[in-house]
């Protein structure tokens, strides 16, 4: 067996920057071989891979759109055939297209839901098929505080992430006896491109910790959920939000 095949495989969607990149690096420190998915930002994905290597592990980048079910299934099959068992899947890919609901285009509604919610289905279903054979695996999906509290202008994002929460908990109950754990992490305001235009001083006043979170703080929770230390934890939604609610 090659060195790659001796490592556990972790797939992280939307791994080219922000929280996704931090998760890739965190899992690399834990010894996983990291599959870094990206759709457009190849340079960012290459930077993530460089940081994975700096963290002491190896990996590779995969360009594909999680909204495409046929492509997602082929990717999962290819990874399993070439590299072996998939130990971890992190569904992190997501987009925003904010706007008041009464003025929201169908495309902005559909694209956000397709990425976060349908992307969860497209990746998780084929991965679970592989994990069931080993009777072991950890899946973590990245949701949002917007899935748990009203956030003006984000009806599409809130719907997508709330759906992600519900689907994750339902599937977790189906596969718990098969050794597969499925959990959700719901970040609050985290220092990423998604909040570039947010009035940060106003937002900080709403957060009990009075600061915006860091991607690494989310990644550490994901790392825990993927580890054996979380062996009795499934079907949970864990908020990482500085105490916002």
C-alpha atoms as a PDB file:
ATOM      1  CA  UNK A   1       0.000   0.000   0.000  1.00  0.00           C
ATOM      2  CA  UNK A   2       1.166   3.543  -0.674  1.00  0.00           C
ATOM      3  CA  UNK A   3       1.506   6.155   2.023  1.00  0.00           C
ATOM      4  CA  UNK A   4      -1.719   7.784   0.765  1.00  0.00           C
ATOM      5  CA  UNK A   5      -3.677   4.553   1.194  1.00  0.00           C
ATOM      6  CA  UNK A   6      -2.451   4.220   4.761  1.00  0.00           C
ATOM      7  CA  UNK A   7      -3.993   7.575   5.651  1.00  0.00           C
ATOM      8  CA  UNK A   8      -7.626   8.205   6.399  1.00  0.00           C
ATOM      9  CA  UNK A   9      -9.383  10.212   3.690  1.00  0.00           C
ATOM     10  CA  UNK A  10     -11.307  13.399   4.459  1.00  0.00           C
ATOM     11  CA  UNK A  11     -13.330  15.263   1.819  1.00  0.00           C
ATOM     12  CA  UNK A  12     -13.994  18.963   2.453  1.00  0.00           C
ATOM     13  CA  UNK A  13     -16.283  20.782   0.043  1.00  0.00           C
ATOM     14  CA  UNK A  14     -15.745  24.502  -0.468  1.00  0.00           C
ATOM     15  CA  UNK A  15     -12.194  24.193   0.797  1.00  0.00           C
ATOM     16  CA  UNK A  16     -10.518  27.016  -1.117  1.00  0.00           C
ATOM     17  CA  UNK A  17     -10.821  29.688   1.585  1.00  0.00           C
ATOM     18  CA  UNK A  18     -12.312  30.816   4.871  1.00  0.00           C
ATOM     19  CA  UNK A  19     -13.857  28.206   7.134  1.00  0.00           C
ATOM     20  CA  UNK A  20     -13.301  25.466   4.544  1.00  0.00           C
ATOM     21  CA  UNK A  21      -9.570  26.145   4.392  1.00  0.00           C
ATOM     22  CA  UNK A  22      -9.294  26.207   8.180  1.00  0.00           C
ATOM     23  CA  UNK A  23     -11.098  22.858   8.376  1.00  0.00           C
ATOM     24  CA  UNK A  24      -8.734  21.331   5.812  1.00  0.00           C
ATOM     25  CA  UNK A  25      -5.730  22.451   7.846  1.00  0.00           C
ATOM     26  CA  UNK A  26      -7.242  21.254  11.136  1.00  0.00           C
ATOM     27  CA  UNK A  27      -7.947  17.801   9.718  1.00  0.00           C
ATOM     28  CA  UNK A  28      -4.485  17.723   8.148  1.00  0.00           C
ATOM     29  CA  UNK A  29      -2.989  18.225  11.610  1.00  0.00           C
ATOM     30  CA  UNK A  30      -4.994  15.191  12.715  1.00  0.00           C
ATOM     31  CA  UNK A  31      -3.327  13.152   9.982  1.00  0.00           C
ATOM     32  CA  UNK A  32      -6.043  12.969   7.333  1.00  0.00           C
ATOM     33  CA  UNK A  33      -5.313  12.960   3.619  1.00  0.00           C
ATOM     34  CA  UNK A  34      -7.373  15.948   2.471  1.00  0.00           C
ATOM     35  CA  UNK A  35      -9.525  16.119  -0.654  1.00  0.00           C
ATOM     36  CA  UNK A  36     -10.072  19.842  -1.225  1.00  0.00           C
ATOM     37  CA  UNK A  37     -13.116  20.617  -3.343  1.00  0.00           C
ATOM     38  CA  UNK A  38     -13.480  23.946  -5.110  1.00  0.00           C
ATOM     39  CA  UNK A  39     -15.603  25.263  -7.939  1.00  0.00           C
ATOM     40  CA  UNK A  40     -13.914  28.438  -9.220  1.00  0.00           C
ATOM     41  CA  UNK A  41     -11.037  29.529  -6.990  1.00  0.00           C
ATOM     42  CA  UNK A  42      -8.201  27.240  -8.117  1.00  0.00           C
ATOM     43  CA  UNK A  43      -5.551  29.573  -6.715  1.00  0.00           C
ATOM     44  CA  UNK A  44      -7.270  29.525  -3.342  1.00  0.00           C
ATOM     45  CA  UNK A  45      -7.520  25.725  -3.416  1.00  0.00           C
ATOM     46  CA  UNK A  46      -3.818  25.486  -4.217  1.00  0.00           C
ATOM     47  CA  UNK A  47      -3.083  27.738  -1.248  1.00  0.00           C
ATOM     48  CA  UNK A  48      -5.163  25.466   0.958  1.00  0.00           C
ATOM     49  CA  UNK A  49      -3.206  22.460  -0.279  1.00  0.00           C
ATOM     50  CA  UNK A  50       0.058  24.237   0.511  1.00  0.00           C
ATOM     51  CA  UNK A  51      -1.174  24.880   4.069  1.00  0.00           C
ATOM     52  CA  UNK A  52      -2.268  21.246   4.382  1.00  0.00           C
ATOM     53  CA  UNK A  53       1.275  20.195   3.516  1.00  0.00           C
ATOM     54  CA  UNK A  54       2.712  22.730   5.956  1.00  0.00           C
ATOM     55  CA  UNK A  55       0.494  21.117   8.604  1.00  0.00           C
ATOM     56  CA  UNK A  56       2.259  17.808   7.999  1.00  0.00           C
ATOM     57  CA  UNK A  57      -0.155  15.955   5.741  1.00  0.00           C
ATOM     58  CA  UNK A  58      -0.917  15.505   2.059  1.00  0.00           C
ATOM     59  CA  UNK A  59      -3.916  16.002  -0.176  1.00  0.00           C
ATOM     60  CA  UNK A  60      -5.182  17.018  -3.576  1.00  0.00           C
ATOM     61  CA  UNK A  61      -7.622  19.441  -5.121  1.00  0.00           C
ATOM     62  CA  UNK A  62     -10.797  18.496  -6.988  1.00  0.00           C
ATOM     63  CA  UNK A  63     -12.757  20.949  -9.109  1.00  0.00           C
ATOM     64  CA  UNK A  64     -16.454  20.132  -9.290  1.00  0.00           C
ATOM     65  CA  UNK A  65     -19.846  21.634  -8.511  1.00  0.00           C
ATOM     66  CA  UNK A  66     -21.601  19.966  -5.566  1.00  0.00           C
ATOM     67  CA  UNK A  67     -24.916  20.952  -7.181  1.00  0.00           C
ATOM     68  CA  UNK A  68     -24.299  18.379  -9.938  1.00  0.00           C
ATOM     69  CA  UNK A  69     -25.423  15.020  -8.554  1.00  0.00           C
ATOM     70  CA  UNK A  70     -23.921  12.879 -11.334  1.00  0.00           C
ATOM     71  CA  UNK A  71     -20.530  14.553 -11.022  1.00  0.00           C
ATOM     72  CA  UNK A  72     -20.535  14.316  -7.222  1.00  0.00           C
ATOM     73  CA  UNK A  73     -21.245  10.577  -7.399  1.00  0.00           C
ATOM     74  CA  UNK A  74     -18.423  10.047  -9.904  1.00  0.00           C
ATOM     75  CA  UNK A  75     -15.991  11.991  -7.723  1.00  0.00           C
ATOM     76  CA  UNK A  76     -16.839   9.957  -4.629  1.00  0.00           C
ATOM     77  CA  UNK A  77     -16.440   6.723  -6.595  1.00  0.00           C
ATOM     78  CA  UNK A  78     -13.092   7.843  -8.012  1.00  0.00           C
ATOM     79  CA  UNK A  79     -11.758   8.825  -4.586  1.00  0.00           C
ATOM     80  CA  UNK A  80     -12.819   5.513  -3.049  1.00  0.00           C
ATOM     81  CA  UNK A  81     -11.317   3.480  -5.894  1.00  0.00           C
ATOM     82  CA  UNK A  82      -7.988   5.315  -5.967  1.00  0.00           C
ATOM     83  CA  UNK A  83      -7.412   6.096  -2.309  1.00  0.00           C
ATOM     84  CA  UNK A  84      -9.494   3.726  -0.243  1.00  0.00           C
ATOM     85  CA  UNK A  85     -12.107   4.224   2.452  1.00  0.00           C
ATOM     86  CA  UNK A  86     -13.550   7.686   3.087  1.00  0.00           C
ATOM     87  CA  UNK A  87     -13.413   8.390   6.818  1.00  0.00           C
ATOM     88  CA  UNK A  88     -14.748  11.959   6.918  1.00  0.00           C
ATOM     89  CA  UNK A  89     -16.966  14.221   4.843  1.00  0.00           C
ATOM     90  CA  UNK A  90     -17.361  17.912   5.652  1.00  0.00           C
ATOM     91  CA  UNK A  91     -20.171  19.610   3.730  1.00  0.00           C
ATOM     92  CA  UNK A  92     -18.935  23.180   3.823  1.00  0.00           C
ATOM     93  CA  UNK A  93     -19.755  24.480   0.323  1.00  0.00           C
ATOM     94  CA  UNK A  94     -22.231  27.334   0.439  1.00  0.00           C
ATOM     95  CA  UNK A  95     -23.015  30.669  -1.163  1.00  0.00           C
ATOM     96  CA  UNK A  96     -25.016  33.744  -0.254  1.00  0.00           C
ATOM     97  CA  UNK A  97     -27.250  35.912  -2.440  1.00  0.00           C
ATOM     98  CA  UNK A  98     -28.854  38.210   0.096  1.00  0.00           C
ATOM     99  CA  UNK A  99     -31.861  40.405  -0.557  1.00  0.00           C
ATOM    100  CA  UNK A 100     -35.340  41.119   0.681  1.00  0.00           C
ATOM    101  CA  UNK A 101     -37.629  38.185  -0.048  1.00  0.00           C
ATOM    102  CA  UNK A 102     -40.220  40.181  -2.015  1.00  0.00           C
ATOM    103  CA  UNK A 103     -37.484  41.267  -4.433  1.00  0.00           C
ATOM    104  CA  UNK A 104     -35.529  38.010  -4.528  1.00  0.00           C
ATOM    105  CA  UNK A 105     -35.104  36.411  -7.944  1.00  0.00           C
ATOM    106  CA  UNK A 106     -35.848  32.746  -8.443  1.00  0.00           C
ATOM    107  CA  UNK A 107     -32.226  32.204  -9.432  1.00  0.00           C
ATOM    108  CA  UNK A 108     -30.948  33.690  -6.165  1.00  0.00           C
ATOM    109  CA  UNK A 109     -33.387  31.546  -4.215  1.00  0.00           C
ATOM    110  CA  UNK A 110     -32.577  28.348  -6.113  1.00  0.00           C
ATOM    111  CA  UNK A 111     -28.805  28.679  -6.346  1.00  0.00           C
ATOM    112  CA  UNK A 112     -28.354  29.132  -2.593  1.00  0.00           C
ATOM    113  CA  UNK A 113     -30.578  26.157  -1.767  1.00  0.00           C
ATOM    114  CA  UNK A 114     -29.018  24.003  -4.485  1.00  0.00           C
ATOM    115  CA  UNK A 115     -25.520  24.571  -3.114  1.00  0.00           C
ATOM    116  CA  UNK A 116     -26.081  24.068   0.623  1.00  0.00           C
ATOM    117  CA  UNK A 117     -29.028  21.658   0.729  1.00  0.00           C
ATOM    118  CA  UNK A 118     -28.906  19.734  -2.535  1.00  0.00           C
ATOM    119  CA  UNK A 119     -25.120  19.712  -2.254  1.00  0.00           C
ATOM    120  CA  UNK A 120     -25.548  17.926   1.086  1.00  0.00           C
ATOM    121  CA  UNK A 121     -27.632  15.233  -0.603  1.00  0.00           C
ATOM    122  CA  UNK A 122     -25.357  14.914  -3.621  1.00  0.00           C
ATOM    123  CA  UNK A 123     -22.250  14.354  -1.497  1.00  0.00           C
ATOM    124  CA  UNK A 124     -23.615  12.639   1.593  1.00  0.00           C
ATOM    125  CA  UNK A 125     -25.664   9.898  -0.034  1.00  0.00           C
ATOM    126  CA  UNK A 126     -22.807   8.301  -2.035  1.00  0.00           C
ATOM    127  CA  UNK A 127     -20.351   8.781   0.845  1.00  0.00           C
ATOM    128  CA  UNK A 128     -22.710   7.051   3.275  1.00  0.00           C
ATOM    129  CA  UNK A 129     -22.888   4.088   0.895  1.00  0.00           C
ATOM    130  CA  UNK A 130     -19.115   3.737   1.260  1.00  0.00           C
ATOM    131  CA  UNK A 131     -19.108   4.282   5.022  1.00  0.00           C
ATOM    132  CA  UNK A 132     -21.813   1.684   5.652  1.00  0.00           C
ATOM    133  CA  UNK A 133     -19.520  -1.031   4.327  1.00  0.00           C
ATOM    134  CA  UNK A 134     -16.946  -0.176   7.024  1.00  0.00           C
ATOM    135  CA  UNK A 135     -19.600   0.603   9.621  1.00  0.00           C
ATOM    136  CA  UNK A 136     -17.661   3.707  10.509  1.00  0.00           C
ATOM    137  CA  UNK A 137     -17.495   7.354   9.446  1.00  0.00           C
ATOM    138  CA  UNK A 138     -18.051  10.955  10.462  1.00  0.00           C
ATOM    139  CA  UNK A 139     -19.974  13.574   8.500  1.00  0.00           C
ATOM    140  CA  UNK A 140     -20.122  17.216   9.553  1.00  0.00           C
ATOM    141  CA  UNK A 141     -22.145  19.864   7.754  1.00  0.00           C
ATOM    142  CA  UNK A 142     -21.553  23.582   8.147  1.00  0.00           C
ATOM    143  CA  UNK A 143     -24.795  25.420   8.755  1.00  0.00           C
ATOM    144  CA  UNK A 144     -25.246  28.950  10.099  1.00  0.00           C
ATOM    145  CA  UNK A 145     -26.699  30.978  12.938  1.00  0.00           C
ATOM    146  CA  UNK A 146     -29.155  32.143  10.265  1.00  0.00           C
ATOM    147  CA  UNK A 147     -30.735  28.686  10.370  1.00  0.00           C
ATOM    148  CA  UNK A 148     -31.676  29.174  14.033  1.00  0.00           C
ATOM    149  CA  UNK A 149     -32.602  32.845  14.231  1.00  0.00           C
ATOM    150  CA  UNK A 150     -34.264  35.397  11.985  1.00  0.00           C
ATOM    151  CA  UNK A 151     -31.845  37.291   9.786  1.00  0.00           C
ATOM    152  CA  UNK A 152     -33.350  39.952   7.554  1.00  0.00           C
ATOM    153  CA  UNK A 153     -32.466  39.561   3.892  1.00  0.00           C
ATOM    154  CA  UNK A 154     -31.449  35.920   4.108  1.00  0.00           C
ATOM    155  CA  UNK A 155     -34.646  33.949   3.531  1.00  0.00           C
ATOM    156  CA  UNK A 156     -32.902  31.773   0.930  1.00  0.00           C
ATOM    157  CA  UNK A 157     -29.809  31.152   3.073  1.00  0.00           C
ATOM    158  CA  UNK A 158     -31.904  30.534   6.188  1.00  0.00           C
ATOM    159  CA  UNK A 159     -34.095  28.054   4.321  1.00  0.00           C
ATOM    160  CA  UNK A 160     -31.100  26.209   2.906  1.00  0.00           C
ATOM    161  CA  UNK A 161     -29.298  25.945   6.235  1.00  0.00           C
ATOM    162  CA  UNK A 162     -32.421  25.089   8.245  1.00  0.00           C
ATOM    163  CA  UNK A 163     -33.101  22.327   5.731  1.00  0.00           C
ATOM    164  CA  UNK A 164     -29.524  21.168   6.176  1.00  0.00           C
ATOM    165  CA  UNK A 165     -30.048  20.985   9.935  1.00  0.00           C
ATOM    166  CA  UNK A 166     -33.208  18.919   9.619  1.00  0.00           C
ATOM    167  CA  UNK A 167     -31.836  16.576   6.982  1.00  0.00           C
ATOM    168  CA  UNK A 168     -28.655  15.982   8.970  1.00  0.00           C
ATOM    169  CA  UNK A 169     -30.534  15.056  12.132  1.00  0.00           C
ATOM    170  CA  UNK A 170     -32.899  12.742  10.268  1.00  0.00           C
ATOM    171  CA  UNK A 171     -30.105  10.923   8.459  1.00  0.00           C
ATOM    172  CA  UNK A 172     -28.084  10.732  11.678  1.00  0.00           C
ATOM    173  CA  UNK A 173     -30.909   8.773  13.271  1.00  0.00           C
ATOM    174  CA  UNK A 174     -30.977   6.379  10.309  1.00  0.00           C
ATOM    175  CA  UNK A 175     -27.285   5.479  10.318  1.00  0.00           C
ATOM    176  CA  UNK A 176     -26.318   5.749  13.986  1.00  0.00           C
ATOM    177  CA  UNK A 177     -26.512   1.973  14.457  1.00  0.00           C
ATOM    178  CA  UNK A 178     -24.271   1.530  11.437  1.00  0.00           C
ATOM    179  CA  UNK A 179     -21.376   3.349  13.095  1.00  0.00           C
ATOM    180  CA  UNK A 180     -21.789   6.616  11.172  1.00  0.00           C
ATOM    181  CA  UNK A 181     -22.030   9.903  13.047  1.00  0.00           C
ATOM    182  CA  UNK A 182     -23.588  13.001  11.471  1.00  0.00           C
ATOM    183  CA  UNK A 183     -23.466  16.398  13.148  1.00  0.00           C
ATOM    184  CA  UNK A 184     -23.882  20.059  12.240  1.00  0.00           C
ATOM    185  CA  UNK A 185     -21.835  23.111  13.186  1.00  0.00           C
ATOM    186  CA  UNK A 186     -23.679  26.439  13.000  1.00  0.00           C
ATOM    187  CA  UNK A 187     -21.216  29.353  12.995  1.00  0.00           C
ATOM    188  CA  UNK A 188     -22.211  32.882  13.853  1.00  0.00           C
ATOM    189  CA  UNK A 189     -20.276  35.885  12.529  1.00  0.00           C
ATOM    190  CA  UNK A 190     -16.891  34.556  11.406  1.00  0.00           C
ATOM    191  CA  UNK A 191     -14.093  36.541   9.785  1.00  0.00           C
ATOM    192  CA  UNK A 192     -14.507  35.414   6.157  1.00  0.00           C
ATOM    193  CA  UNK A 193     -15.303  36.947   2.761  1.00  0.00           C
ATOM    194  CA  UNK A 194     -19.004  36.346   3.420  1.00  0.00           C
ATOM    195  CA  UNK A 195     -19.102  39.172   5.972  1.00  0.00           C
ATOM    196  CA  UNK A 196     -16.826  41.543   4.083  1.00  0.00           C
ATOM    197  CA  UNK A 197     -19.599  44.136   3.696  1.00  0.00           C
ATOM    198  CA  UNK A 198     -21.203  43.645   7.117  1.00  0.00           C
ATOM    199  CA  UNK A 199     -21.059  46.666   9.519  1.00  0.00           C
ATOM    200  CA  UNK A 200     -18.784  44.891  11.974  1.00  0.00           C
ATOM    201  CA  UNK A 201     -18.857  47.442  14.780  1.00  0.00           C
ATOM    202  CA  UNK A 202     -22.643  47.211  14.932  1.00  0.00           C
ATOM    203  CA  UNK A 203     -22.537  43.418  14.823  1.00  0.00           C
ATOM    204  CA  UNK A 204     -19.995  43.182  17.633  1.00  0.00           C
ATOM    205  CA  UNK A 205     -22.417  45.000  19.904  1.00  0.00           C
ATOM    206  CA  UNK A 206     -24.867  42.098  19.439  1.00  0.00           C
ATOM    207  CA  UNK A 207     -22.349  39.406  20.381  1.00  0.00           C
ATOM    208  CA  UNK A 208     -21.848  38.702  24.110  1.00  0.00           C
ATOM    209  CA  UNK A 209     -18.141  38.016  23.512  1.00  0.00           C
ATOM    210  CA  UNK A 210     -17.964  41.374  21.683  1.00  0.00           C
ATOM    211  CA  UNK A 211     -15.881  40.047  18.816  1.00  0.00           C
ATOM    212  CA  UNK A 212     -16.177  38.246  15.511  1.00  0.00           C
ATOM    213  CA  UNK A 213     -15.058  34.624  15.434  1.00  0.00           C
ATOM    214  CA  UNK A 214     -12.127  33.156  13.561  1.00  0.00           C
ATOM    215  CA  UNK A 215     -12.344  30.320  11.008  1.00  0.00           C
ATOM    216  CA  UNK A 216      -9.940  28.287  13.134  1.00  0.00           C
ATOM    217  CA  UNK A 217     -12.400  28.393  16.034  1.00  0.00           C
ATOM    218  CA  UNK A 218     -15.021  26.714  13.871  1.00  0.00           C
ATOM    219  CA  UNK A 219     -12.480  24.272  12.456  1.00  0.00           C
ATOM    220  CA  UNK A 220     -11.451  23.049  15.900  1.00  0.00           C
ATOM    221  CA  UNK A 221     -15.061  22.083  16.663  1.00  0.00           C
ATOM    222  CA  UNK A 222     -15.275  20.242  13.339  1.00  0.00           C
ATOM    223  CA  UNK A 223     -12.022  18.455  14.116  1.00  0.00           C
ATOM    224  CA  UNK A 224     -13.427  17.306  17.453  1.00  0.00           C
ATOM    225  CA  UNK A 225     -16.630  16.024  15.837  1.00  0.00           C
ATOM    226  CA  UNK A 226     -14.597  14.014  13.334  1.00  0.00           C
ATOM    227  CA  UNK A 227     -12.437  12.468  16.042  1.00  0.00           C
ATOM    228  CA  UNK A 228     -12.943   9.424  18.241  1.00  0.00           C
ATOM    229  CA  UNK A 229     -13.304  11.833  21.168  1.00  0.00           C
ATOM    230  CA  UNK A 230     -16.827  12.519  19.838  1.00  0.00           C
ATOM    231  CA  UNK A 231     -17.695   8.830  19.497  1.00  0.00           C
ATOM    232  CA  UNK A 232     -21.035   9.168  21.353  1.00  0.00           C
ATOM    233  CA  UNK A 233     -22.134  12.377  19.684  1.00  0.00           C
ATOM    234  CA  UNK A 234     -24.461  12.369  16.682  1.00  0.00           C
ATOM    235  CA  UNK A 235     -27.490  14.281  15.386  1.00  0.00           C
ATOM    236  CA  UNK A 236     -26.399  17.489  17.113  1.00  0.00           C
ATOM    237  CA  UNK A 237     -26.358  21.121  15.989  1.00  0.00           C
ATOM    238  CA  UNK A 238     -23.500  22.918  17.698  1.00  0.00           C
ATOM    239  CA  UNK A 239     -23.486  26.711  17.597  1.00  0.00           C
ATOM    240  CA  UNK A 240     -20.138  28.509  17.446  1.00  0.00           C
ATOM    241  CA  UNK A 241     -21.275  32.113  17.761  1.00  0.00           C
ATOM    242  CA  UNK A 242     -19.766  33.882  20.764  1.00  0.00           C
ATOM    243  CA  UNK A 243     -22.953  33.422  22.788  1.00  0.00           C
ATOM    244  CA  UNK A 244     -25.343  35.256  20.453  1.00  0.00           C
ATOM    245  CA  UNK A 245     -28.327  33.221  21.695  1.00  0.00           C
END
